[in-house]
Amino acid sequence: MSSWKEWLLSLLENENPEPAPLPDLPDVVEQARQEWLSAQSYYNTVSDQDLVDHAVYLMQAAEKKYIYLLKKARREGVTHSPYSSTGQ
């Protein structure tokens, strides 16, 4: 019984942990691109109608996320290409 009390007290005594740093925007854009490509690949492999509907949903959501992040990167002046060694 005392172990949960000790655990609760330890939580209350500890300061809030530092949040993890956010990844760089070019990395987030690349991750979104990979998610979009993965969703397209999934769509190309399913045959059950319910899974096709699910695949379409995933593909559209991934595409919208990728386009949003591309626009955000352009607004912030970020240029990056995974195919070259130069970029910000």
PDB file of N, CA and C in Angstrom:
ATOM      1  N   MET A   1       0.820  -1.193   0.000  1.00  0.00           N
ATOM      2  CA  MET A   1       0.000   0.000   0.000  1.00  0.00           C
ATOM      3  C   MET A   1       0.864   1.257   0.000  1.00  0.00           C
ATOM      4  N   SER A   2       1.966   1.193   0.706  1.00  0.00           N
ATOM      5  CA  SER A   2       2.809   2.382   0.777  1.00  0.00           C
ATOM      6  C   SER A   2       3.558   2.624  -0.531  1.00  0.00           C
ATOM      7  N   SER A   3       3.726   1.605  -1.363  1.00  0.00           N
ATOM      8  CA  SER A   3       4.479   1.798  -2.593  1.00  0.00           C
ATOM      9  C   SER A   3       3.779   2.776  -3.538  1.00  0.00           C
ATOM     10  N   TRP A   4       2.470   2.722  -3.642  1.00  0.00           N
ATOM     11  CA  TRP A   4       1.784   3.686  -4.505  1.00  0.00           C
ATOM     12  C   TRP A   4       1.845   5.081  -3.922  1.00  0.00           C
ATOM     13  N   LYS A   5       1.865   5.187  -2.599  1.00  0.00           N
ATOM     14  CA  LYS A   5       1.998   6.507  -1.960  1.00  0.00           C
ATOM     15  C   LYS A   5       3.378   7.091  -2.239  1.00  0.00           C
ATOM     16  N   GLU A   6       4.396   6.239  -2.144  1.00  0.00           N
ATOM     17  CA  GLU A   6       5.756   6.695  -2.443  1.00  0.00           C
ATOM     18  C   GLU A   6       5.870   7.129  -3.901  1.00  0.00           C
ATOM     19  N   TRP A   7       5.257   6.371  -4.779  1.00  0.00           N
ATOM     20  CA  TRP A   7       5.282   6.703  -6.198  1.00  0.00           C
ATOM     21  C   TRP A   7       4.607   8.046  -6.446  1.00  0.00           C
ATOM     22  N   LEU A   8       3.437   8.251  -5.822  1.00  0.00           N
ATOM     23  CA  LEU A   8       2.709   9.507  -5.987  1.00  0.00           C
ATOM     24  C   LEU A   8       3.509  10.672  -5.434  1.00  0.00           C
ATOM     25  N   LEU A   9       4.106  10.504  -4.276  1.00  0.00           N
ATOM     26  CA  LEU A   9       4.931  11.564  -3.701  1.00  0.00           C
ATOM     27  C   LEU A   9       6.133  11.874  -4.585  1.00  0.00           C
ATOM     28  N   SER A  10       6.734  10.851  -5.160  1.00  0.00           N
ATOM     29  CA  SER A  10       7.881  11.098  -6.030  1.00  0.00           C
ATOM     30  C   SER A  10       7.466  11.882  -7.273  1.00  0.00           C
ATOM     31  N   LEU A  11       6.267  11.608  -7.778  1.00  0.00           N
ATOM     32  CA  LEU A  11       5.767  12.378  -8.930  1.00  0.00           C
ATOM     33  C   LEU A  11       5.530  13.828  -8.560  1.00  0.00           C
ATOM     34  N   LEU A  12       4.972  14.046  -7.384  1.00  0.00           N
ATOM     35  CA  LEU A  12       4.667  15.408  -6.952  1.00  0.00           C
ATOM     36  C   LEU A  12       5.929  16.202  -6.641  1.00  0.00           C
ATOM     37  N   GLU A  13       6.974  15.535  -6.171  1.00  0.00           N
ATOM     38  CA  GLU A  13       8.210  16.220  -5.813  1.00  0.00           C
ATOM     39  C   GLU A  13       9.062  16.549  -7.022  1.00  0.00           C
ATOM     40  N   ASN A  14       8.982  15.747  -8.067  1.00  0.00           N
ATOM     41  CA  ASN A  14       9.808  15.965  -9.261  1.00  0.00           C
ATOM     42  C   ASN A  14       9.298  17.156 -10.045  1.00  0.00           C
ATOM     43  N   GLU A  15      10.245  17.888 -10.621  1.00  0.00           N
ATOM     44  CA  GLU A  15       9.881  18.990 -11.504  1.00  0.00           C
ATOM     45  C   GLU A  15       9.404  18.422 -12.827  1.00  0.00           C
ATOM     46  N   ASN A  16       8.720  19.246 -13.585  1.00  0.00           N
ATOM     47  CA  ASN A  16       8.272  18.799 -14.906  1.00  0.00           C
ATOM     48  C   ASN A  16       9.482  18.506 -15.773  1.00  0.00           C
ATOM     49  N   PRO A  17       9.473  17.378 -16.476  1.00  0.00           N
ATOM     50  CA  PRO A  17      10.614  17.058 -17.347  1.00  0.00           C
ATOM     51  C   PRO A  17      10.679  18.028 -18.524  1.00  0.00           C
ATOM     52  N   GLU A  18      11.878  18.212 -19.021  1.00  0.00           N
ATOM     53  CA  GLU A  18      12.080  19.080 -20.181  1.00  0.00           C
ATOM     54  C   GLU A  18      11.438  18.430 -21.405  1.00  0.00           C
ATOM     55  N   PRO A  19      10.702  19.207 -22.196  1.00  0.00           N
ATOM     56  CA  PRO A  19      10.131  18.618 -23.415  1.00  0.00           C
ATOM     57  C   PRO A  19      11.242  18.284 -24.406  1.00  0.00           C
ATOM     58  N   ALA A  20      11.009  17.253 -25.178  1.00  0.00           N
ATOM     59  CA  ALA A  20      11.985  16.855 -26.192  1.00  0.00           C
ATOM     60  C   ALA A  20      12.039  17.917 -27.280  1.00  0.00           C
ATOM     61  N   PRO A  21      13.213  18.194 -27.815  1.00  0.00           N
ATOM     62  CA  PRO A  21      13.302  19.201 -28.886  1.00  0.00           C
ATOM     63  C   PRO A  21      12.554  18.733 -30.130  1.00  0.00           C
ATOM     64  N   LEU A  22      11.953  19.683 -30.812  1.00  0.00           N
ATOM     65  CA  LEU A  22      11.226  19.364 -32.037  1.00  0.00           C
ATOM     66  C   LEU A  22      12.220  19.108 -33.171  1.00  0.00           C
ATOM     67  N   PRO A  23      11.897  18.191 -34.064  1.00  0.00           N
ATOM     68  CA  PRO A  23      12.795  17.951 -35.203  1.00  0.00           C
ATOM     69  C   PRO A  23      12.792  19.147 -36.152  1.00  0.00           C
ATOM     70  N   ASP A  24      13.850  19.265 -36.936  1.00  0.00           N
ATOM     71  CA  ASP A  24      13.944  20.349 -37.914  1.00  0.00           C
ATOM     72  C   ASP A  24      12.869  20.181 -38.982  1.00  0.00           C
ATOM     73  N   LEU A  25      12.386  21.312 -39.503  1.00  0.00           N
ATOM     74  CA  LEU A  25      11.317  21.293 -40.491  1.00  0.00           C
ATOM     75  C   LEU A  25      11.664  20.459 -41.732  1.00  0.00           C
ATOM     76  N   PRO A  26      12.878  20.547 -42.279  1.00  0.00           N
ATOM     77  CA  PRO A  26      13.181  19.686 -43.443  1.00  0.00           C
ATOM     78  C   PRO A  26      13.021  18.197 -43.121  1.00  0.00           C
ATOM     79  N   ASP A  27      13.366  17.815 -41.910  1.00  0.00           N
ATOM     80  CA  ASP A  27      13.212  16.410 -41.521  1.00  0.00           C
ATOM     81  C   ASP A  27      11.741  16.028 -41.414  1.00  0.00           C
ATOM     82  N   VAL A  28      10.923  16.936 -40.913  1.00  0.00           N
ATOM     83  CA  VAL A  28       9.491  16.680 -40.785  1.00  0.00           C
ATOM     84  C   VAL A  28       8.851  16.578 -42.164  1.00  0.00           C
ATOM     85  N   VAL A  29       9.272  17.446 -43.085  1.00  0.00           N
ATOM     86  CA  VAL A  29       8.744  17.405 -44.455  1.00  0.00           C
ATOM     87  C   VAL A  29       9.116  16.074 -45.109  1.00  0.00           C
ATOM     88  N   GLU A  30      10.354  15.643 -44.924  1.00  0.00           N
ATOM     89  CA  GLU A  30      10.788  14.373 -45.516  1.00  0.00           C
ATOM     90  C   GLU A  30      10.028  13.193 -44.913  1.00  0.00           C
ATOM     91  N   GLN A  31       9.786  13.245 -43.618  1.00  0.00           N
ATOM     92  CA  GLN A  31       9.014  12.176 -42.978  1.00  0.00           C
ATOM     93  C   GLN A  31       7.591  12.138 -43.543  1.00  0.00           C
ATOM     94  N   ALA A  32       6.994  13.310 -43.743  1.00  0.00           N
ATOM     95  CA  ALA A  32       5.645  13.372 -44.318  1.00  0.00           C
ATOM     96  C   ALA A  32       5.637  12.836 -45.750  1.00  0.00           C
ATOM     97  N   ARG A  33       6.694  13.123 -46.499  1.00  0.00           N
ATOM     98  CA  ARG A  33       6.795  12.597 -47.867  1.00  0.00           C
ATOM     99  C   ARG A  33       6.861  11.077 -47.849  1.00  0.00           C
ATOM    100  N   GLN A  34       7.642  10.538 -46.930  1.00  0.00           N
ATOM    101  CA  GLN A  34       7.756   9.087 -46.815  1.00  0.00           C
ATOM    102  C   GLN A  34       6.425   8.450 -46.409  1.00  0.00           C
ATOM    103  N   GLU A  35       5.682   9.124 -45.509  1.00  0.00           N
ATOM    104  CA  GLU A  35       4.365   8.625 -45.109  1.00  0.00           C
ATOM    105  C   GLU A  35       3.411   8.609 -46.302  1.00  0.00           C
ATOM    106  N   TRP A  36       3.489   9.646 -47.127  1.00  0.00           N
ATOM    107  CA  TRP A  36       2.626   9.736 -48.304  1.00  0.00           C
ATOM    108  C   TRP A  36       2.957   8.605 -49.298  1.00  0.00           C
ATOM    109  N   LEU A  37       4.263   8.405 -49.531  1.00  0.00           N
ATOM    110  CA  LEU A  37       4.680   7.322 -50.426  1.00  0.00           C
ATOM    111  C   LEU A  37       4.264   5.955 -49.871  1.00  0.00           C
ATOM    112  N   SER A  38       4.369   5.795 -48.587  1.00  0.00           N
ATOM    113  CA  SER A  38       3.954   4.543 -47.951  1.00  0.00           C
ATOM    114  C   SER A  38       2.451   4.325 -48.101  1.00  0.00           C
ATOM    115  N   ALA A  39       1.675   5.396 -47.939  1.00  0.00           N
ATOM    116  CA  ALA A  39       0.216   5.297 -48.099  1.00  0.00           C
ATOM    117  C   ALA A  39      -0.138   4.933 -49.543  1.00  0.00           C
ATOM    118  N   GLN A  40       0.595   5.488 -50.510  1.00  0.00           N
ATOM    119  CA  GLN A  40       0.359   5.148 -51.911  1.00  0.00           C
ATOM    120  C   GLN A  40       0.674   3.675 -52.162  1.00  0.00           C
ATOM    121  N   SER A  41       1.756   3.202 -51.590  1.00  0.00           N
ATOM    122  CA  SER A  41       2.130   1.803 -51.747  1.00  0.00           C
ATOM    123  C   SER A  41       1.074   0.892 -51.127  1.00  0.00           C
ATOM    124  N   TYR A  42       0.577   1.262 -49.967  1.00  0.00           N
ATOM    125  CA  TYR A  42      -0.477   0.489 -49.308  1.00  0.00           C
ATOM    126  C   TYR A  42      -1.719   0.424 -50.191  1.00  0.00           C
ATOM    127  N   TYR A  43      -2.092   1.572 -50.764  1.00  0.00           N
ATOM    128  CA  TYR A  43      -3.253   1.625 -51.652  1.00  0.00           C
ATOM    129  C   TYR A  43      -3.081   0.658 -52.835  1.00  0.00           C
ATOM    130  N   ASN A  44      -1.883   0.597 -53.362  1.00  0.00           N
ATOM    131  CA  ASN A  44      -1.614  -0.267 -54.517  1.00  0.00           C
ATOM    132  C   ASN A  44      -1.621  -1.754 -54.184  1.00  0.00           C
ATOM    133  N   THR A  45      -1.594  -2.110 -52.912  1.00  0.00           N
ATOM    134  CA  THR A  45      -1.522  -3.526 -52.540  1.00  0.00           C
ATOM    135  C   THR A  45      -2.828  -4.099 -52.006  1.00  0.00           C
ATOM    136  N   VAL A  46      -3.794  -3.252 -51.641  1.00  0.00           N
ATOM    137  CA  VAL A  46      -5.026  -3.784 -51.041  1.00  0.00           C
ATOM    138  C   VAL A  46      -6.051  -4.117 -52.119  1.00  0.00           C
ATOM    139  N   SER A  47      -6.913  -5.080 -51.795  1.00  0.00           N
ATOM    140  CA  SER A  47      -7.955  -5.455 -52.752  1.00  0.00           C
ATOM    141  C   SER A  47      -9.347  -5.483 -52.123  1.00  0.00           C
ATOM    142  N   ASP A  48      -9.440  -5.699 -50.824  1.00  0.00           N
ATOM    143  CA  ASP A  48     -10.732  -5.700 -50.141  1.00  0.00           C
ATOM    144  C   ASP A  48     -11.310  -4.285 -50.148  1.00  0.00           C
ATOM    145  N   GLN A  49     -12.593  -4.149 -50.456  1.00  0.00           N
ATOM    146  CA  GLN A  49     -13.214  -2.826 -50.594  1.00  0.00           C
ATOM    147  C   GLN A  49     -13.083  -1.985 -49.324  1.00  0.00           C
ATOM    148  N   ASP A  50     -13.256  -2.611 -48.169  1.00  0.00           N
ATOM    149  CA  ASP A  50     -13.107  -1.856 -46.923  1.00  0.00           C
ATOM    150  C   ASP A  50     -11.686  -1.342 -46.759  1.00  0.00           C
ATOM    151  N   LEU A  51     -10.717  -2.143 -47.136  1.00  0.00           N
ATOM    152  CA  LEU A  51      -9.330  -1.710 -47.040  1.00  0.00           C
ATOM    153  C   LEU A  51      -8.994  -0.664 -48.095  1.00  0.00           C
ATOM    154  N   VAL A  52      -9.628  -0.749 -49.250  1.00  0.00           N
ATOM    155  CA  VAL A  52      -9.412   0.280 -50.279  1.00  0.00           C
ATOM    156  C   VAL A  52      -9.888   1.621 -49.750  1.00  0.00           C
ATOM    157  N   ASP A  53     -11.059   1.637 -49.131  1.00  0.00           N
ATOM    158  CA  ASP A  53     -11.560   2.886 -48.546  1.00  0.00           C
ATOM    159  C   ASP A  53     -10.591   3.418 -47.500  1.00  0.00           C
ATOM    160  N   HIS A  54     -10.078   2.535 -46.667  1.00  0.00           N
ATOM    161  CA  HIS A  54      -9.114   2.926 -45.638  1.00  0.00           C
ATOM    162  C   HIS A  54      -7.836   3.460 -46.277  1.00  0.00           C
ATOM    163  N   ALA A  55      -7.358   2.792 -47.306  1.00  0.00           N
ATOM    164  CA  ALA A  55      -6.131   3.207 -47.988  1.00  0.00           C
ATOM    165  C   ALA A  55      -6.293   4.579 -48.636  1.00  0.00           C
ATOM    166  N   VAL A  56      -7.467   4.820 -49.230  1.00  0.00           N
ATOM    167  CA  VAL A  56      -7.737   6.130 -49.842  1.00  0.00           C
ATOM    168  C   VAL A  56      -7.706   7.211 -48.768  1.00  0.00           C
ATOM    169  N   TYR A  57      -8.339   6.933 -47.642  1.00  0.00           N
ATOM    170  CA  TYR A  57      -8.340   7.893 -46.533  1.00  0.00           C
ATOM    171  C   TYR A  57      -6.913   8.199 -46.074  1.00  0.00           C
ATOM    172  N   LEU A  58      -6.110   7.149 -45.861  1.00  0.00           N
ATOM    173  CA  LEU A  58      -4.725   7.350 -45.424  1.00  0.00           C
ATOM    174  C   LEU A  58      -3.922   8.142 -46.445  1.00  0.00           C
ATOM    175  N   MET A  59      -4.110   7.816 -47.725  1.00  0.00           N
ATOM    176  CA  MET A  59      -3.369   8.486 -48.778  1.00  0.00           C
ATOM    177  C   MET A  59      -3.729   9.972 -48.848  1.00  0.00           C
ATOM    178  N   GLN A  60      -5.026  10.274 -48.766  1.00  0.00           N
ATOM    179  CA  GLN A  60      -5.453  11.669 -48.829  1.00  0.00           C
ATOM    180  C   GLN A  60      -4.967  12.449 -47.605  1.00  0.00           C
ATOM    181  N   ALA A  61      -5.042  11.837 -46.443  1.00  0.00           N
ATOM    182  CA  ALA A  61      -4.577  12.516 -45.231  1.00  0.00           C
ATOM    183  C   ALA A  61      -3.073  12.776 -45.295  1.00  0.00           C
ATOM    184  N   ALA A  62      -2.314  11.788 -45.735  1.00  0.00           N
ATOM    185  CA  ALA A  62      -0.860  11.946 -45.839  1.00  0.00           C
ATOM    186  C   ALA A  62      -0.502  13.020 -46.865  1.00  0.00           C
ATOM    187  N   GLU A  63      -1.238  13.058 -47.971  1.00  0.00           N
ATOM    188  CA  GLU A  63      -0.975  14.060 -48.998  1.00  0.00           C
ATOM    189  C   GLU A  63      -1.251  15.465 -48.471  1.00  0.00           C
ATOM    190  N   LYS A  64      -2.364  15.632 -47.768  1.00  0.00           N
ATOM    191  CA  LYS A  64      -2.689  16.952 -47.213  1.00  0.00           C
ATOM    192  C   LYS A  64      -1.643  17.400 -46.200  1.00  0.00           C
ATOM    193  N   LYS A  65      -1.167  16.473 -45.373  1.00  0.00           N
ATOM    194  CA  LYS A  65      -0.130  16.799 -44.393  1.00  0.00           C
ATOM    195  C   LYS A  65       1.154  17.219 -45.104  1.00  0.00           C
ATOM    196  N   TYR A  66       1.541  16.483 -46.120  1.00  0.00           N
ATOM    197  CA  TYR A  66       2.758  16.785 -46.867  1.00  0.00           C
ATOM    198  C   TYR A  66       2.664  18.144 -47.544  1.00  0.00           C
ATOM    199  N   ILE A  67       1.548  18.422 -48.196  1.00  0.00           N
ATOM    200  CA  ILE A  67       1.369  19.712 -48.870  1.00  0.00           C
ATOM    201  C   ILE A  67       1.391  20.854 -47.865  1.00  0.00           C
ATOM    202  N   TYR A  68       0.746  20.660 -46.723  1.00  0.00           N
ATOM    203  CA  TYR A  68       0.757  21.687 -45.675  1.00  0.00           C
ATOM    204  C   TYR A  68       2.191  21.990 -45.240  1.00  0.00           C
ATOM    205  N   LEU A  69       2.968  20.942 -44.980  1.00  0.00           N
ATOM    206  CA  LEU A  69       4.341  21.138 -44.523  1.00  0.00           C
ATOM    207  C   LEU A  69       5.222  21.748 -45.610  1.00  0.00           C
ATOM    208  N   LEU A  70       4.996  21.385 -46.872  1.00  0.00           N
ATOM    209  CA  LEU A  70       5.738  22.020 -47.968  1.00  0.00           C
ATOM    210  C   LEU A  70       5.460  23.520 -48.023  1.00  0.00           C
ATOM    211  N   LYS A  71       4.192  23.890 -47.900  1.00  0.00           N
ATOM    212  CA  LYS A  71       3.844  25.317 -47.918  1.00  0.00           C
ATOM    213  C   LYS A  71       4.473  26.043 -46.735  1.00  0.00           C
ATOM    214  N   LYS A  72       4.442  25.405 -45.568  1.00  0.00           N
ATOM    215  CA  LYS A  72       5.040  26.006 -44.374  1.00  0.00           C
ATOM    216  C   LYS A  72       6.541  26.202 -44.574  1.00  0.00           C
ATOM    217  N   ALA A  73       7.200  25.211 -45.134  1.00  0.00           N
ATOM    218  CA  ALA A  73       8.635  25.310 -45.378  1.00  0.00           C
ATOM    219  C   ALA A  73       8.941  26.426 -46.376  1.00  0.00           C
ATOM    220  N   ARG A  74       8.134  26.544 -47.409  1.00  0.00           N
ATOM    221  CA  ARG A  74       8.351  27.621 -48.406  1.00  0.00           C
ATOM    222  C   ARG A  74       8.171  28.986 -47.771  1.00  0.00           C
ATOM    223  N   ARG A  75       7.125  29.133 -46.931  1.00  0.00           N
ATOM    224  CA  ARG A  75       6.891  30.415 -46.251  1.00  0.00           C
ATOM    225  C   ARG A  75       8.066  30.794 -45.357  1.00  0.00           C
ATOM    226  N   GLU A  76       8.690  29.790 -44.758  1.00  0.00           N
ATOM    227  CA  GLU A  76       9.813  30.042 -43.855  1.00  0.00           C
ATOM    228  C   GLU A  76      11.150  30.095 -44.592  1.00  0.00           C
ATOM    229  N   GLY A  77      11.118  29.933 -45.915  1.00  0.00           N
ATOM    230  CA  GLY A  77      12.338  30.025 -46.707  1.00  0.00           C
ATOM    231  C   GLY A  77      13.245  28.813 -46.594  1.00  0.00           C
ATOM    232  N   VAL A  78      12.687  27.694 -46.167  1.00  0.00           N
ATOM    233  CA  VAL A  78      13.485  26.482 -46.029  1.00  0.00           C
ATOM    234  C   VAL A  78      13.613  25.812 -47.381  1.00  0.00           C
ATOM    235  N   THR A  79      14.837  25.517 -47.760  1.00  0.00           N
ATOM    236  CA  THR A  79      15.084  24.743 -48.972  1.00  0.00           C
ATOM    237  C   THR A  79      15.903  23.534 -48.576  1.00  0.00           C
ATOM    238  N   HIS A  80      15.489  22.399 -49.057  1.00  0.00           N
ATOM    239  CA  HIS A  80      16.158  21.159 -48.713  1.00  0.00           C
ATOM    240  C   HIS A  80      15.802  20.112 -49.759  1.00  0.00           C
ATOM    241  N   SER A  81      16.795  19.370 -50.155  1.00  0.00           N
ATOM    242  CA  SER A  81      16.561  18.271 -51.066  1.00  0.00           C
ATOM    243  C   SER A  81      17.263  17.036 -50.534  1.00  0.00           C
ATOM    244  N   PRO A  82      16.544  15.926 -50.388  1.00  0.00           N
ATOM    245  CA  PRO A  82      17.211  14.720 -49.915  1.00  0.00           C
ATOM    246  C   PRO A  82      18.195  14.149 -50.934  1.00  0.00           C
ATOM    247  N   TYR A  83      18.185  14.706 -52.145  1.00  0.00           N
ATOM    248  CA  TYR A  83      19.028  14.190 -53.226  1.00  0.00           C
ATOM    249  C   TYR A  83      20.321  14.962 -53.405  1.00  0.00           C
ATOM    250  N   SER A  84      20.504  16.035 -52.661  1.00  0.00           N
ATOM    251  CA  SER A  84      21.755  16.799 -52.781  1.00  0.00           C
ATOM    252  C   SER A  84      22.362  17.001 -51.407  1.00  0.00           C
ATOM    253  N   SER A  85      23.619  17.327 -51.384  1.00  0.00           N
ATOM    254  CA  SER A  85      24.298  17.540 -50.108  1.00  0.00           C
ATOM    255  C   SER A  85      24.164  18.970 -49.625  1.00  0.00           C
ATOM    256  N   THR A  86      23.575  19.857 -50.435  1.00  0.00           N
ATOM    257  CA  THR A  86      23.375  21.235 -50.014  1.00  0.00           C
ATOM    258  C   THR A  86      21.918  21.431 -49.644  1.00  0.00           C
ATOM    259  N   GLY A  87      21.664  22.378 -48.813  1.00  0.00           N
ATOM    260  CA  GLY A  87      20.315  22.668 -48.356  1.00  0.00           C
ATOM    261  C   GLY A  87      20.391  23.180 -46.936  1.00  0.00           C
ATOM    262  N   GLN A  88      19.307  23.749 -46.481  1.00  0.00           N
ATOM    263  CA  GLN A  88      19.311  24.324 -45.126  1.00  0.00           C
ATOM    264  C   GLN A  88      18.702  23.375 -44.154  1.00  0.00           C
TER     265      GLN A  88
END
